[in-house]
């Protein structure tokens, strides 16, 4: 694996990088790695992922789709009788 980014979430660390056999991003939990060996392959620089942008819409370390879902929350202030309420967009 060619390591590119280290991220902590929920008191656990995750290492993001590329496996030479796959084109996609891989993440591993370093506390679960049993052994490390020196690879004989030349290092492949990261030219595909901007991790600030990658994690912009993610809570945690992974996601199930490329779709970002907009959520509308209706918040009413307690004790008001106004018909109109403020809407917040996330």
C-alpha atoms as a PDB file:
ATOM      1  CA  UNK A   1       0.000   0.000   0.000  1.00  0.00           C
ATOM      2  CA  UNK A   2       1.177   3.506  -0.818  1.00  0.00           C
ATOM      3  CA  UNK A   3       0.170   5.671   2.185  1.00  0.00           C
ATOM      4  CA  UNK A   4      -1.288   9.126   1.515  1.00  0.00           C
ATOM      5  CA  UNK A   5      -3.326  10.322   4.491  1.00  0.00           C
ATOM      6  CA  UNK A   6      -3.777   9.558   8.184  1.00  0.00           C
ATOM      7  CA  UNK A   7      -7.097  10.427   9.836  1.00  0.00           C
ATOM      8  CA  UNK A   8      -8.461  10.007  13.347  1.00  0.00           C
ATOM      9  CA  UNK A   9     -12.140   9.356  13.955  1.00  0.00           C
ATOM     10  CA  UNK A  10     -13.872   8.225  17.128  1.00  0.00           C
ATOM     11  CA  UNK A  11     -10.538   7.591  18.910  1.00  0.00           C
ATOM     12  CA  UNK A  12      -9.257   5.327  16.123  1.00  0.00           C
ATOM     13  CA  UNK A  13      -6.727   6.031  13.395  1.00  0.00           C
ATOM     14  CA  UNK A  14      -7.168   5.191   9.716  1.00  0.00           C
ATOM     15  CA  UNK A  15      -4.527   5.121   7.006  1.00  0.00           C
ATOM     16  CA  UNK A  16      -5.664   6.006   3.486  1.00  0.00           C
ATOM     17  CA  UNK A  17      -3.691   5.030   0.427  1.00  0.00           C
ATOM     18  CA  UNK A  18      -3.566   3.048  -2.768  1.00  0.00           C
ATOM     19  CA  UNK A  19      -3.010  -0.658  -3.130  1.00  0.00           C
ATOM     20  CA  UNK A  20      -0.900  -1.315  -6.232  1.00  0.00           C
ATOM     21  CA  UNK A  21      -3.495  -3.848  -7.460  1.00  0.00           C
ATOM     22  CA  UNK A  22      -6.512  -1.489  -7.283  1.00  0.00           C
ATOM     23  CA  UNK A  23      -7.369   1.948  -8.651  1.00  0.00           C
ATOM     24  CA  UNK A  24      -9.598   2.906  -5.735  1.00  0.00           C
ATOM     25  CA  UNK A  25      -8.665   4.427  -2.391  1.00  0.00           C
ATOM     26  CA  UNK A  26      -8.118   1.939   0.437  1.00  0.00           C
ATOM     27  CA  UNK A  27      -8.323   2.559   4.161  1.00  0.00           C
ATOM     28  CA  UNK A  28      -6.770   0.452   6.904  1.00  0.00           C
ATOM     29  CA  UNK A  29      -6.852   0.688  10.680  1.00  0.00           C
ATOM     30  CA  UNK A  30      -3.174   0.718  11.792  1.00  0.00           C
ATOM     31  CA  UNK A  31      -4.055  -0.936  15.115  1.00  0.00           C
ATOM     32  CA  UNK A  32      -5.205  -4.011  13.154  1.00  0.00           C
ATOM     33  CA  UNK A  33      -2.164  -4.366  10.898  1.00  0.00           C
ATOM     34  CA  UNK A  34      -0.366  -7.579  11.824  1.00  0.00           C
ATOM     35  CA  UNK A  35       2.852  -7.097   9.853  1.00  0.00           C
ATOM     36  CA  UNK A  36       4.613  -4.651   7.555  1.00  0.00           C
ATOM     37  CA  UNK A  37       7.051  -5.596   4.814  1.00  0.00           C
ATOM     38  CA  UNK A  38       9.226  -3.454   2.583  1.00  0.00           C
ATOM     39  CA  UNK A  39       7.723  -3.356  -0.908  1.00  0.00           C
ATOM     40  CA  UNK A  40       9.806  -3.705  -4.046  1.00  0.00           C
ATOM     41  CA  UNK A  41       7.547  -1.408  -6.068  1.00  0.00           C
ATOM     42  CA  UNK A  42       8.310   2.250  -6.815  1.00  0.00           C
ATOM     43  CA  UNK A  43       6.157   4.649  -4.791  1.00  0.00           C
ATOM     44  CA  UNK A  44       3.104   6.009  -6.628  1.00  0.00           C
ATOM     45  CA  UNK A  45       2.466   9.660  -5.741  1.00  0.00           C
ATOM     46  CA  UNK A  46      -1.096  10.754  -4.963  1.00  0.00           C
ATOM     47  CA  UNK A  47      -2.386  12.805  -7.887  1.00  0.00           C
ATOM     48  CA  UNK A  48      -6.076  11.894  -7.587  1.00  0.00           C
ATOM     49  CA  UNK A  49      -7.385  12.709  -4.123  1.00  0.00           C
ATOM     50  CA  UNK A  50      -7.571  16.045  -2.329  1.00  0.00           C
ATOM     51  CA  UNK A  51      -8.321  14.834   1.199  1.00  0.00           C
ATOM     52  CA  UNK A  52      -9.711  18.179   2.371  1.00  0.00           C
ATOM     53  CA  UNK A  53     -12.318  17.927  -0.380  1.00  0.00           C
ATOM     54  CA  UNK A  54     -12.736  14.148   0.024  1.00  0.00           C
ATOM     55  CA  UNK A  55     -13.785  14.475   3.684  1.00  0.00           C
ATOM     56  CA  UNK A  56     -15.832  17.663   3.239  1.00  0.00           C
ATOM     57  CA  UNK A  57     -19.189  15.830   3.162  1.00  0.00           C
ATOM     58  CA  UNK A  58     -18.228  12.778   5.229  1.00  0.00           C
ATOM     59  CA  UNK A  59     -18.710  12.176   8.932  1.00  0.00           C
ATOM     60  CA  UNK A  60     -16.257   9.445   9.855  1.00  0.00           C
ATOM     61  CA  UNK A  61     -13.946   7.757   7.382  1.00  0.00           C
ATOM     62  CA  UNK A  62     -16.124   6.128   4.740  1.00  0.00           C
ATOM     63  CA  UNK A  63     -19.249   6.605   2.685  1.00  0.00           C
ATOM     64  CA  UNK A  64     -21.569   4.387   0.659  1.00  0.00           C
ATOM     65  CA  UNK A  65     -22.205   6.544  -2.391  1.00  0.00           C
ATOM     66  CA  UNK A  66     -20.994   9.579  -4.265  1.00  0.00           C
ATOM     67  CA  UNK A  67     -24.349  11.298  -3.715  1.00  0.00           C
ATOM     68  CA  UNK A  68     -24.530  14.044  -1.102  1.00  0.00           C
ATOM     69  CA  UNK A  69     -27.951  14.148   0.493  1.00  0.00           C
ATOM     70  CA  UNK A  70     -29.403  17.512   1.496  1.00  0.00           C
ATOM     71  CA  UNK A  71     -31.271  17.517   4.773  1.00  0.00           C
ATOM     72  CA  UNK A  72     -33.822  20.152   5.751  1.00  0.00           C
ATOM     73  CA  UNK A  73     -34.471  20.718   9.429  1.00  0.00           C
ATOM     74  CA  UNK A  74     -37.443  22.688  10.650  1.00  0.00           C
ATOM     75  CA  UNK A  75     -36.580  24.398  13.923  1.00  0.00           C
ATOM     76  CA  UNK A  76     -39.159  26.171  15.998  1.00  0.00           C
ATOM     77  CA  UNK A  77     -38.245  28.333  18.936  1.00  0.00           C
ATOM     78  CA  UNK A  78     -40.013  27.104  22.022  1.00  0.00           C
ATOM     79  CA  UNK A  79     -42.874  29.321  23.108  1.00  0.00           C
ATOM     80  CA  UNK A  80     -43.424  31.185  19.853  1.00  0.00           C
ATOM     81  CA  UNK A  81     -46.698  31.178  17.980  1.00  0.00           C
ATOM     82  CA  UNK A  82     -45.305  32.320  14.667  1.00  0.00           C
ATOM     83  CA  UNK A  83     -46.421  30.388  11.639  1.00  0.00           C
ATOM     84  CA  UNK A  84     -43.123  30.963   9.855  1.00  0.00           C
ATOM     85  CA  UNK A  85     -40.040  29.159  11.168  1.00  0.00           C
ATOM     86  CA  UNK A  86     -36.427  29.419  10.198  1.00  0.00           C
ATOM     87  CA  UNK A  87     -35.115  26.690   7.912  1.00  0.00           C
ATOM     88  CA  UNK A  88     -31.504  25.591   8.124  1.00  0.00           C
ATOM     89  CA  UNK A  89     -29.758  23.893   5.220  1.00  0.00           C
ATOM     90  CA  UNK A  90     -26.786  21.574   5.792  1.00  0.00           C
END
